[in-house]
Amino acid sequence: MTAENSIINKQAFRTEVLARVAEFKTNYIDAVLHVLARYGLDPEDGDRLLDAAMRTAIEREAVALRMVEGDDNSSLTGLVE
C-alpha cells in the first residue's frame, strides 16, 4: 500500500497541508484539495480532517476571494452570486 492509498489522520493531514502552503506559497483551499486528491479522498469527505484553525483559514480565504459573503470578523453569511 502506497502513502497515497493509506488512511490519513487529522494531524498528518494538517501537517501536509501546512507544508504545502509553506513550500509552494499556495492558499489553504488549494493545498487541502491537493492533499485530498493525493490520498484519493473526495473533497466532500475531507471535512472530517479539518480542525478549527484550518476551517477559519479557509473561511477567511473564501471571503477574501469573494467566494462567500462575510468579513474576517464574522461568520459566513452565504454564497456570493
N, C-alpha and C. Protein backbone atom coordinates (compact mmCIF):
# COMPACT_ATOMS: atom_id res chain seq x y z
N MET A 1 0.85 -1.19 0.00
CA MET A 1 0.00 0.00 0.00
C MET A 1 0.90 1.25 0.00
N THR A 2 0.67 2.15 -0.92
CA THR A 2 1.46 3.37 -1.01
C THR A 2 0.89 4.43 -0.08
N ALA A 3 1.67 5.47 0.15
CA ALA A 3 1.22 6.57 1.01
C ALA A 3 -0.06 7.20 0.46
N GLU A 4 -0.16 7.24 -0.87
CA GLU A 4 -1.33 7.85 -1.48
C GLU A 4 -2.61 7.06 -1.21
N ASN A 5 -2.49 5.77 -0.97
CA ASN A 5 -3.66 4.94 -0.77
C ASN A 5 -3.96 4.65 0.70
N SER A 6 -3.10 5.11 1.59
CA SER A 6 -3.31 4.82 3.00
C SER A 6 -4.26 5.83 3.62
N ILE A 7 -4.75 5.49 4.78
CA ILE A 7 -5.65 6.37 5.51
C ILE A 7 -4.81 7.44 6.21
N ILE A 8 -5.30 8.66 6.22
CA ILE A 8 -4.59 9.77 6.84
C ILE A 8 -5.41 10.27 8.03
N ASN A 9 -4.71 10.62 9.11
CA ASN A 9 -5.42 11.14 10.27
C ASN A 9 -5.40 12.68 10.24
N LYS A 10 -6.13 13.27 11.16
CA LYS A 10 -6.31 14.73 11.18
C LYS A 10 -4.98 15.46 11.33
N GLN A 11 -4.11 14.99 12.21
CA GLN A 11 -2.82 15.67 12.45
C GLN A 11 -1.91 15.56 11.23
N ALA A 12 -1.84 14.39 10.63
CA ALA A 12 -1.00 14.21 9.44
C ALA A 12 -1.52 15.06 8.29
N PHE A 13 -2.83 15.12 8.16
CA PHE A 13 -3.45 15.94 7.11
C PHE A 13 -3.06 17.40 7.31
N ARG A 14 -3.20 17.90 8.54
CA ARG A 14 -2.85 19.29 8.85
C ARG A 14 -1.38 19.56 8.52
N THR A 15 -0.51 18.64 8.91
CA THR A 15 0.92 18.80 8.66
C THR A 15 1.21 18.89 7.17
N GLU A 16 0.58 18.02 6.38
CA GLU A 16 0.81 18.04 4.93
C GLU A 16 0.26 19.31 4.29
N VAL A 17 -0.90 19.76 4.73
CA VAL A 17 -1.48 20.98 4.18
C VAL A 17 -0.58 22.17 4.49
N LEU A 18 -0.15 22.29 5.74
CA LEU A 18 0.71 23.42 6.13
C LEU A 18 2.04 23.39 5.38
N ALA A 19 2.59 22.20 5.18
CA ALA A 19 3.85 22.08 4.44
C ALA A 19 3.66 22.53 2.99
N ARG A 20 2.55 22.15 2.40
CA ARG A 20 2.27 22.54 1.01
C ARG A 20 2.08 24.06 0.89
N VAL A 21 1.37 24.64 1.84
CA VAL A 21 1.17 26.10 1.84
C VAL A 21 2.52 26.80 1.92
N ALA A 22 3.37 26.35 2.82
CA ALA A 22 4.68 26.98 3.01
C ALA A 22 5.60 26.77 1.81
N GLU A 23 5.67 25.55 1.32
CA GLU A 23 6.61 25.22 0.24
C GLU A 23 6.22 25.85 -1.09
N PHE A 24 4.95 25.80 -1.43
CA PHE A 24 4.51 26.25 -2.75
C PHE A 24 3.83 27.62 -2.73
N LYS A 25 3.77 28.24 -1.55
CA LYS A 25 3.13 29.57 -1.41
C LYS A 25 1.73 29.56 -2.00
N THR A 26 1.01 28.51 -1.73
CA THR A 26 -0.36 28.36 -2.23
C THR A 26 -1.34 28.70 -1.12
N ASN A 27 -2.59 28.77 -1.44
CA ASN A 27 -3.59 29.05 -0.41
C ASN A 27 -4.05 27.74 0.23
N TYR A 28 -4.75 27.86 1.35
CA TYR A 28 -5.21 26.69 2.08
C TYR A 28 -6.21 25.87 1.27
N ILE A 29 -7.06 26.53 0.54
CA ILE A 29 -8.08 25.81 -0.24
C ILE A 29 -7.40 24.88 -1.24
N ASP A 30 -6.46 25.40 -2.00
CA ASP A 30 -5.77 24.57 -2.99
C ASP A 30 -4.93 23.49 -2.32
N ALA A 31 -4.29 23.82 -1.22
CA ALA A 31 -3.47 22.83 -0.51
C ALA A 31 -4.32 21.68 0.01
N VAL A 32 -5.47 22.00 0.59
CA VAL A 32 -6.38 20.97 1.08
C VAL A 32 -6.83 20.07 -0.06
N LEU A 33 -7.23 20.67 -1.17
CA LEU A 33 -7.69 19.88 -2.32
C LEU A 33 -6.58 18.99 -2.86
N HIS A 34 -5.36 19.49 -2.89
CA HIS A 34 -4.23 18.70 -3.37
C HIS A 34 -3.99 17.48 -2.48
N VAL A 35 -3.96 17.70 -1.17
CA VAL A 35 -3.70 16.60 -0.25
C VAL A 35 -4.83 15.57 -0.30
N LEU A 36 -6.06 16.03 -0.39
CA LEU A 36 -7.19 15.11 -0.52
C LEU A 36 -7.04 14.26 -1.78
N ALA A 37 -6.70 14.89 -2.89
CA ALA A 37 -6.53 14.16 -4.15
C ALA A 37 -5.38 13.16 -4.04
N ARG A 38 -4.32 13.55 -3.38
CA ARG A 38 -3.16 12.67 -3.20
C ARG A 38 -3.56 11.38 -2.51
N TYR A 39 -4.49 11.48 -1.57
CA TYR A 39 -4.93 10.30 -0.83
C TYR A 39 -6.20 9.68 -1.42
N GLY A 40 -6.63 10.18 -2.56
CA GLY A 40 -7.79 9.61 -3.22
C GLY A 40 -9.09 9.88 -2.49
N LEU A 41 -9.14 10.97 -1.73
CA LEU A 41 -10.34 11.32 -0.97
C LEU A 41 -11.15 12.37 -1.71
N ASP A 42 -12.45 12.22 -1.67
CA ASP A 42 -13.36 13.19 -2.26
C ASP A 42 -13.37 14.44 -1.39
N PRO A 43 -13.40 15.63 -1.99
CA PRO A 43 -13.44 16.86 -1.19
C PRO A 43 -14.57 16.90 -0.17
N GLU A 44 -15.70 16.30 -0.48
CA GLU A 44 -16.81 16.27 0.47
C GLU A 44 -16.50 15.42 1.69
N ASP A 45 -15.61 14.46 1.55
CA ASP A 45 -15.23 13.60 2.67
C ASP A 45 -14.10 14.21 3.50
N GLY A 46 -13.50 15.28 3.01
CA GLY A 46 -12.37 15.90 3.71
C GLY A 46 -12.76 16.71 4.92
N ASP A 47 -14.03 16.99 5.08
CA ASP A 47 -14.49 17.80 6.21
C ASP A 47 -14.03 17.24 7.55
N ARG A 48 -14.02 15.94 7.69
CA ARG A 48 -13.64 15.32 8.96
C ARG A 48 -12.17 15.54 9.32
N LEU A 49 -11.37 15.93 8.33
CA LEU A 49 -9.94 16.13 8.56
C LEU A 49 -9.57 17.58 8.91
N LEU A 50 -10.52 18.49 8.80
CA LEU A 50 -10.24 19.89 9.06
C LEU A 50 -10.41 20.22 10.54
N ASP A 51 -9.39 20.86 11.13
CA ASP A 51 -9.53 21.32 12.50
C ASP A 51 -10.05 22.76 12.49
N ALA A 52 -10.34 23.29 13.65
CA ALA A 52 -10.95 24.63 13.75
C ALA A 52 -10.07 25.71 13.12
N ALA A 53 -8.78 25.65 13.34
CA ALA A 53 -7.89 26.67 12.78
C ALA A 53 -7.86 26.62 11.26
N MET A 54 -7.87 25.42 10.70
CA MET A 54 -7.85 25.29 9.25
C MET A 54 -9.18 25.75 8.65
N ARG A 55 -10.28 25.44 9.32
CA ARG A 55 -11.59 25.92 8.86
C ARG A 55 -11.62 27.44 8.82
N THR A 56 -11.11 28.06 9.86
CA THR A 56 -11.08 29.53 9.93
C THR A 56 -10.24 30.10 8.80
N ALA A 57 -9.08 29.51 8.55
CA ALA A 57 -8.21 29.99 7.47
C ALA A 57 -8.90 29.86 6.12
N ILE A 58 -9.59 28.75 5.90
CA ILE A 58 -10.30 28.53 4.64
C ILE A 58 -11.46 29.51 4.50
N GLU A 59 -12.18 29.73 5.58
CA GLU A 59 -13.29 30.68 5.54
C GLU A 59 -12.79 32.08 5.20
N ARG A 60 -11.69 32.50 5.79
CA ARG A 60 -11.14 33.83 5.51
C ARG A 60 -10.67 33.94 4.07
N GLU A 61 -10.04 32.87 3.56
CA GLU A 61 -9.64 32.89 2.15
C GLU A 61 -10.85 32.97 1.25
N ALA A 62 -11.88 32.23 1.56
CA ALA A 62 -13.10 32.24 0.74
C ALA A 62 -13.72 33.63 0.71
N VAL A 63 -13.72 34.32 1.85
CA VAL A 63 -14.24 35.69 1.90
C VAL A 63 -13.34 36.60 1.07
N ALA A 64 -12.03 36.48 1.24
CA ALA A 64 -11.09 37.33 0.50
C ALA A 64 -11.20 37.10 -1.01
N LEU A 65 -11.47 35.87 -1.40
CA LEU A 65 -11.60 35.55 -2.83
C LEU A 65 -13.02 35.79 -3.34
N ARG A 66 -13.88 36.31 -2.48
CA ARG A 66 -15.26 36.63 -2.81
C ARG A 66 -16.04 35.39 -3.25
N MET A 67 -15.70 34.25 -2.63
CA MET A 67 -16.43 33.02 -2.89
C MET A 67 -17.66 32.93 -1.99
N VAL A 68 -17.60 33.62 -0.85
CA VAL A 68 -18.72 33.68 0.09
C VAL A 68 -18.78 35.10 0.65
N GLU A 69 -19.93 35.47 1.15
CA GLU A 69 -20.07 36.78 1.78
C GLU A 69 -19.62 36.69 3.22
N GLY A 70 -19.16 37.79 3.75
CA GLY A 70 -18.74 37.85 5.14
C GLY A 70 -17.53 38.74 5.27
N ASP A 71 -17.01 38.81 6.47
CA ASP A 71 -15.77 39.52 6.68
C ASP A 71 -14.90 38.72 7.63
N ASP A 72 -13.69 39.16 7.87
CA ASP A 72 -12.77 38.41 8.70
C ASP A 72 -13.21 38.33 10.15
N ASN A 73 -14.15 39.16 10.57
CA ASN A 73 -14.56 39.18 11.97
C ASN A 73 -15.91 38.51 12.22
N SER A 74 -16.54 37.98 11.19
CA SER A 74 -17.85 37.37 11.39
C SER A 74 -17.91 36.02 10.73
N SER A 75 -18.95 35.29 11.03
CA SER A 75 -19.15 34.01 10.36
C SER A 75 -19.66 34.26 8.96
N LEU A 76 -19.69 33.24 8.16
CA LEU A 76 -20.12 33.36 6.78
C LEU A 76 -21.61 33.57 6.72
N THR A 77 -22.04 34.37 5.77
CA THR A 77 -23.47 34.67 5.66
C THR A 77 -24.13 34.04 4.45
N GLY A 78 -23.36 33.46 3.54
CA GLY A 78 -23.97 32.81 2.38
C GLY A 78 -23.09 32.91 1.17
N LEU A 79 -23.50 32.30 0.11
CA LEU A 79 -22.73 32.30 -1.13
C LEU A 79 -22.92 33.61 -1.88
N VAL A 80 -21.87 34.05 -2.52
CA VAL A 80 -21.93 35.24 -3.38
C VAL A 80 -22.43 34.80 -4.73
N GLU A 81 -23.39 35.48 -5.27
CA GLU A 81 -23.95 35.12 -6.58
C GLU A 81 -23.19 35.81 -7.68
